[in-house]
Amino acid sequence: MWNGELRARVEGLQWAMALDVLRAGGTAIVEWGTWSRDERECLRAEAAALGARTELLFLDVPADVLWARIEERGMEDPPMKHADVVAMHEFIQSQRPDEAERSAFDKVL
């Protein structure tokens, strides 16, 4: 069952650890779904405040490809519904990085 509260706690712990890595001069990669512009900006600003370089990589995958991968993997518990994938994809598309957002991040080396 989807547990948004638990997910938020886990991501919060991961981000706290990532900030510790950045403070120590290391590299941290956020790999969970930062779907909204506001969330991406918050993470970017916190990392940049520590003097860390920030890069944004956006993978633009069609909903049908996402659904095919989910079906092929067959490991979602509970199983995902096609309609849910389409709805998530539509939200992500509404929040895709524009040029203004991309320019806030450092260039990918």
N, C-alpha and C. Protein backbone atom coordinates (compact mmCIF):
# COMPACT_ATOMS: atom_id res chain seq x y z
N MET A 1 0.84 -1.18 0.00
CA MET A 1 0.00 0.00 0.00
C MET A 1 0.89 1.25 0.00
N TRP A 2 0.49 2.26 -0.74
CA TRP A 2 1.22 3.52 -0.84
C TRP A 2 1.13 4.23 0.50
N ASN A 3 2.27 4.67 1.00
CA ASN A 3 2.31 5.36 2.28
C ASN A 3 3.09 6.66 2.09
N GLY A 4 2.38 7.74 1.80
CA GLY A 4 3.01 9.03 1.54
C GLY A 4 3.78 9.57 2.73
N GLU A 5 3.27 9.35 3.94
CA GLU A 5 3.95 9.82 5.14
C GLU A 5 5.30 9.11 5.32
N LEU A 6 5.31 7.81 5.11
CA LEU A 6 6.55 7.05 5.23
C LEU A 6 7.54 7.47 4.15
N ARG A 7 7.04 7.64 2.93
CA ARG A 7 7.92 8.08 1.84
C ARG A 7 8.56 9.43 2.17
N ALA A 8 7.77 10.36 2.69
CA ALA A 8 8.30 11.68 3.05
C ALA A 8 9.38 11.56 4.13
N ARG A 9 9.18 10.68 5.10
CA ARG A 9 10.18 10.49 6.15
C ARG A 9 11.47 9.90 5.58
N VAL A 10 11.34 8.92 4.69
CA VAL A 10 12.52 8.30 4.08
C VAL A 10 13.27 9.32 3.24
N GLU A 11 12.57 10.07 2.40
CA GLU A 11 13.23 11.09 1.57
C GLU A 11 13.87 12.16 2.44
N GLY A 12 13.23 12.53 3.55
CA GLY A 12 13.81 13.51 4.46
C GLY A 12 15.13 13.01 5.04
N LEU A 13 15.17 11.74 5.42
CA LEU A 13 16.39 11.14 5.95
C LEU A 13 17.46 11.07 4.86
N GLN A 14 17.07 10.67 3.67
CA GLN A 14 18.03 10.62 2.56
C GLN A 14 18.60 12.00 2.27
N TRP A 15 17.75 13.02 2.29
CA TRP A 15 18.22 14.37 1.99
C TRP A 15 19.15 14.88 3.09
N ALA A 16 18.83 14.59 4.34
CA ALA A 16 19.71 14.99 5.45
C ALA A 16 21.09 14.34 5.27
N MET A 17 21.11 13.09 4.88
CA MET A 17 22.39 12.41 4.65
C MET A 17 23.11 13.01 3.45
N ALA A 18 22.37 13.34 2.39
CA ALA A 18 22.98 13.95 1.21
C ALA A 18 23.62 15.29 1.57
N LEU A 19 22.95 16.08 2.39
CA LEU A 19 23.51 17.36 2.82
C LEU A 19 24.79 17.16 3.62
N ASP A 20 24.82 16.12 4.46
CA ASP A 20 26.05 15.80 5.20
C ASP A 20 27.18 15.46 4.24
N VAL A 21 26.88 14.70 3.19
CA VAL A 21 27.88 14.35 2.19
C VAL A 21 28.38 15.62 1.49
N LEU A 22 27.48 16.51 1.13
CA LEU A 22 27.87 17.76 0.46
C LEU A 22 28.73 18.62 1.38
N ARG A 23 28.36 18.71 2.65
CA ARG A 23 29.15 19.49 3.60
C ARG A 23 30.58 18.95 3.70
N ALA A 24 30.73 17.64 3.53
CA ALA A 24 32.05 17.01 3.60
C ALA A 24 32.80 17.10 2.28
N GLY A 25 32.18 17.76 1.27
CA GLY A 25 32.84 17.94 -0.02
C GLY A 25 32.60 16.82 -1.00
N GLY A 26 31.68 15.93 -0.69
CA GLY A 26 31.39 14.80 -1.57
C GLY A 26 30.31 15.12 -2.59
N THR A 27 29.94 14.10 -3.31
CA THR A 27 28.90 14.20 -4.34
C THR A 27 27.68 13.43 -3.88
N ALA A 28 26.52 14.02 -4.03
CA ALA A 28 25.26 13.36 -3.68
C ALA A 28 24.34 13.41 -4.89
N ILE A 29 23.64 12.33 -5.13
CA ILE A 29 22.70 12.26 -6.25
C ILE A 29 21.31 11.97 -5.70
N VAL A 30 20.37 12.84 -6.02
CA VAL A 30 18.98 12.63 -5.63
C VAL A 30 18.33 11.86 -6.78
N GLU A 31 17.83 10.70 -6.45
CA GLU A 31 17.30 9.84 -7.50
C GLU A 31 15.83 9.51 -7.29
N TRP A 32 15.22 10.12 -6.28
CA TRP A 32 13.79 9.90 -6.14
C TRP A 32 13.05 10.90 -7.01
N GLY A 33 11.78 10.70 -7.20
CA GLY A 33 11.01 11.52 -8.12
C GLY A 33 10.80 12.94 -7.64
N THR A 34 11.61 13.85 -8.11
CA THR A 34 11.42 15.27 -7.82
C THR A 34 10.58 15.85 -8.95
N TRP A 35 9.30 15.58 -8.88
CA TRP A 35 8.40 15.87 -9.98
C TRP A 35 8.03 17.33 -10.08
N SER A 36 8.01 18.04 -8.96
CA SER A 36 7.54 19.43 -9.02
C SER A 36 8.70 20.41 -9.05
N ARG A 37 8.46 21.54 -9.71
CA ARG A 37 9.46 22.60 -9.76
C ARG A 37 9.83 23.08 -8.37
N ASP A 38 8.82 23.24 -7.51
CA ASP A 38 9.07 23.72 -6.15
C ASP A 38 10.01 22.80 -5.39
N GLU A 39 9.79 21.50 -5.51
CA GLU A 39 10.64 20.54 -4.82
C GLU A 39 12.07 20.60 -5.36
N ARG A 40 12.21 20.65 -6.69
CA ARG A 40 13.54 20.72 -7.28
C ARG A 40 14.26 21.99 -6.84
N GLU A 41 13.54 23.11 -6.81
CA GLU A 41 14.15 24.38 -6.42
C GLU A 41 14.60 24.36 -4.96
N CYS A 42 13.81 23.77 -4.10
CA CYS A 42 14.17 23.68 -2.69
C CYS A 42 15.47 22.88 -2.52
N LEU A 43 15.57 21.74 -3.18
CA LEU A 43 16.78 20.92 -3.09
C LEU A 43 17.97 21.65 -3.69
N ARG A 44 17.76 22.28 -4.85
CA ARG A 44 18.84 23.01 -5.51
C ARG A 44 19.37 24.13 -4.62
N ALA A 45 18.45 24.90 -4.05
CA ALA A 45 18.85 26.05 -3.23
C ALA A 45 19.60 25.62 -1.98
N GLU A 46 19.14 24.55 -1.34
CA GLU A 46 19.84 24.07 -0.14
C GLU A 46 21.24 23.58 -0.48
N ALA A 47 21.38 22.85 -1.57
CA ALA A 47 22.70 22.36 -1.98
C ALA A 47 23.60 23.52 -2.38
N ALA A 48 23.07 24.45 -3.15
CA ALA A 48 23.87 25.59 -3.59
C ALA A 48 24.31 26.45 -2.41
N ALA A 49 23.48 26.56 -1.38
CA ALA A 49 23.84 27.33 -0.18
C ALA A 49 25.06 26.73 0.52
N LEU A 50 25.31 25.45 0.29
CA LEU A 50 26.49 24.80 0.86
C LEU A 50 27.69 24.92 -0.07
N GLY A 51 27.49 25.57 -1.21
CA GLY A 51 28.58 25.71 -2.18
C GLY A 51 28.69 24.55 -3.15
N ALA A 52 27.70 23.67 -3.15
CA ALA A 52 27.74 22.50 -4.03
C ALA A 52 27.29 22.88 -5.44
N ARG A 53 27.90 22.23 -6.43
CA ARG A 53 27.40 22.34 -7.80
C ARG A 53 26.07 21.60 -7.85
N THR A 54 25.15 22.10 -8.65
CA THR A 54 23.88 21.41 -8.82
C THR A 54 23.62 21.19 -10.30
N GLU A 55 23.23 20.00 -10.63
CA GLU A 55 22.92 19.65 -12.02
C GLU A 55 21.52 19.05 -12.07
N LEU A 56 20.83 19.29 -13.16
CA LEU A 56 19.49 18.75 -13.35
C LEU A 56 19.49 17.88 -14.60
N LEU A 57 19.13 16.63 -14.42
CA LEU A 57 18.96 15.72 -15.55
C LEU A 57 17.50 15.32 -15.58
N PHE A 58 16.84 15.57 -16.68
CA PHE A 58 15.41 15.28 -16.82
C PHE A 58 15.24 14.23 -17.90
N LEU A 59 14.72 13.09 -17.52
CA LEU A 59 14.48 12.02 -18.49
C LEU A 59 13.03 12.10 -18.94
N ASP A 60 12.83 12.39 -20.19
CA ASP A 60 11.49 12.59 -20.75
C ASP A 60 11.06 11.32 -21.47
N VAL A 61 10.36 10.47 -20.75
CA VAL A 61 9.97 9.16 -21.28
C VAL A 61 8.45 9.17 -21.49
N PRO A 62 7.99 8.72 -22.66
CA PRO A 62 6.55 8.68 -22.91
C PRO A 62 5.82 7.73 -21.93
N ALA A 63 4.58 8.06 -21.62
CA ALA A 63 3.80 7.26 -20.67
C ALA A 63 3.71 5.80 -21.11
N ASP A 64 3.57 5.54 -22.40
CA ASP A 64 3.46 4.16 -22.87
C ASP A 64 4.73 3.37 -22.61
N VAL A 65 5.87 4.02 -22.71
CA VAL A 65 7.15 3.35 -22.41
C VAL A 65 7.25 3.06 -20.92
N LEU A 66 6.85 4.02 -20.09
CA LEU A 66 6.86 3.80 -18.65
C LEU A 66 5.98 2.62 -18.28
N TRP A 67 4.78 2.59 -18.86
CA TRP A 67 3.85 1.51 -18.56
C TRP A 67 4.42 0.16 -19.02
N ALA A 68 5.01 0.11 -20.18
CA ALA A 68 5.60 -1.15 -20.68
C ALA A 68 6.70 -1.63 -19.74
N ARG A 69 7.52 -0.73 -19.24
CA ARG A 69 8.59 -1.11 -18.32
C ARG A 69 8.03 -1.64 -17.01
N ILE A 70 6.98 -1.00 -16.50
CA ILE A 70 6.34 -1.45 -15.27
C ILE A 70 5.77 -2.84 -15.46
N GLU A 71 5.07 -3.05 -16.56
CA GLU A 71 4.49 -4.37 -16.83
C GLU A 71 5.57 -5.43 -16.97
N GLU A 72 6.63 -5.11 -17.67
CA GLU A 72 7.72 -6.07 -17.88
C GLU A 72 8.38 -6.44 -16.56
N ARG A 73 8.60 -5.44 -15.72
CA ARG A 73 9.24 -5.67 -14.43
C ARG A 73 8.33 -6.51 -13.53
N GLY A 74 7.04 -6.19 -13.51
CA GLY A 74 6.06 -6.97 -12.74
C GLY A 74 6.35 -7.06 -11.25
N MET A 75 6.91 -6.01 -10.67
CA MET A 75 7.31 -6.08 -9.26
C MET A 75 6.59 -5.07 -8.37
N GLU A 76 5.66 -4.31 -8.91
CA GLU A 76 5.00 -3.27 -8.11
C GLU A 76 4.04 -3.94 -7.12
N ASP A 77 4.13 -3.53 -5.88
CA ASP A 77 3.25 -4.09 -4.85
C ASP A 77 2.79 -2.94 -3.96
N PRO A 78 1.56 -2.51 -4.10
CA PRO A 78 0.52 -3.11 -4.93
C PRO A 78 0.73 -2.77 -6.41
N PRO A 79 0.13 -3.56 -7.28
CA PRO A 79 0.29 -3.31 -8.72
C PRO A 79 -0.20 -1.91 -9.09
N MET A 80 0.50 -1.30 -10.03
CA MET A 80 0.10 0.01 -10.52
C MET A 80 -0.96 -0.16 -11.61
N LYS A 81 -1.79 0.86 -11.74
CA LYS A 81 -2.80 0.87 -12.78
C LYS A 81 -2.33 1.79 -13.90
N HIS A 82 -2.69 1.45 -15.12
CA HIS A 82 -2.31 2.26 -16.27
C HIS A 82 -2.79 3.70 -16.10
N ALA A 83 -4.01 3.87 -15.61
CA ALA A 83 -4.56 5.21 -15.42
C ALA A 83 -3.72 6.03 -14.43
N ASP A 84 -3.17 5.37 -13.40
CA ASP A 84 -2.32 6.07 -12.43
C ASP A 84 -1.03 6.53 -13.09
N VAL A 85 -0.45 5.69 -13.95
CA VAL A 85 0.79 6.04 -14.64
C VAL A 85 0.54 7.23 -15.57
N VAL A 86 -0.58 7.19 -16.27
CA VAL A 86 -0.92 8.29 -17.18
C VAL A 86 -1.11 9.58 -16.38
N ALA A 87 -1.80 9.52 -15.24
CA ALA A 87 -2.02 10.71 -14.42
C ALA A 87 -0.69 11.26 -13.89
N MET A 88 0.20 10.37 -13.43
CA MET A 88 1.50 10.83 -12.94
C MET A 88 2.30 11.46 -14.08
N HIS A 89 2.25 10.85 -15.24
CA HIS A 89 2.98 11.37 -16.39
C HIS A 89 2.46 12.75 -16.77
N GLU A 90 1.15 12.93 -16.75
CA GLU A 90 0.57 14.24 -17.07
C GLU A 90 1.04 15.30 -16.08
N PHE A 91 1.09 14.94 -14.79
CA PHE A 91 1.58 15.89 -13.79
C PHE A 91 3.04 16.24 -14.05
N ILE A 92 3.85 15.23 -14.29
CA ILE A 92 5.27 15.46 -14.56
C ILE A 92 5.43 16.37 -15.77
N GLN A 93 4.66 16.13 -16.82
CA GLN A 93 4.75 16.97 -18.01
C GLN A 93 4.36 18.42 -17.71
N SER A 94 3.43 18.61 -16.78
CA SER A 94 3.02 19.97 -16.42
C SER A 94 4.10 20.68 -15.60
N GLN A 95 5.04 19.92 -15.07
CA GLN A 95 6.11 20.45 -14.23
C GLN A 95 7.50 20.31 -14.86
N ARG A 96 7.53 20.00 -16.15
CA ARG A 96 8.83 19.78 -16.80
C ARG A 96 9.67 21.05 -16.69
N PRO A 97 10.97 20.87 -16.53
CA PRO A 97 11.84 22.03 -16.39
C PRO A 97 11.81 22.92 -17.64
N ASP A 98 11.61 24.21 -17.43
CA ASP A 98 11.69 25.16 -18.54
C ASP A 98 13.09 25.77 -18.54
N GLU A 99 13.34 26.66 -19.47
CA GLU A 99 14.68 27.23 -19.60
C GLU A 99 15.07 28.03 -18.35
N ALA A 100 14.13 28.73 -17.75
CA ALA A 100 14.43 29.51 -16.55
C ALA A 100 14.89 28.59 -15.41
N GLU A 101 14.19 27.48 -15.23
CA GLU A 101 14.60 26.54 -14.18
C GLU A 101 15.95 25.92 -14.51
N ARG A 102 16.13 25.49 -15.74
CA ARG A 102 17.40 24.86 -16.14
C ARG A 102 18.57 25.82 -15.92
N SER A 103 18.36 27.10 -16.15
CA SER A 103 19.46 28.06 -16.03
C SER A 103 19.87 28.27 -14.57
N ALA A 104 19.03 27.91 -13.61
CA ALA A 104 19.39 28.03 -12.21
C ALA A 104 20.40 26.97 -11.77
N PHE A 105 20.45 25.87 -12.52
CA PHE A 105 21.37 24.78 -12.22
C PHE A 105 22.69 25.00 -12.95
N ASP A 106 23.75 24.40 -12.42
CA ASP A 106 25.04 24.43 -13.10
C ASP A 106 24.95 23.57 -14.36
N LYS A 107 25.79 23.87 -15.31
CA LYS A 107 25.83 23.09 -16.55
C LYS A 107 26.39 21.71 -16.25
N VAL A 108 25.85 20.70 -16.92
CA VAL A 108 26.35 19.34 -16.78
C VAL A 108 27.74 19.29 -17.42
N LEU A 109 28.68 18.76 -16.67
CA LEU A 109 30.05 18.67 -17.19
C LEU A 109 30.23 17.48 -18.10
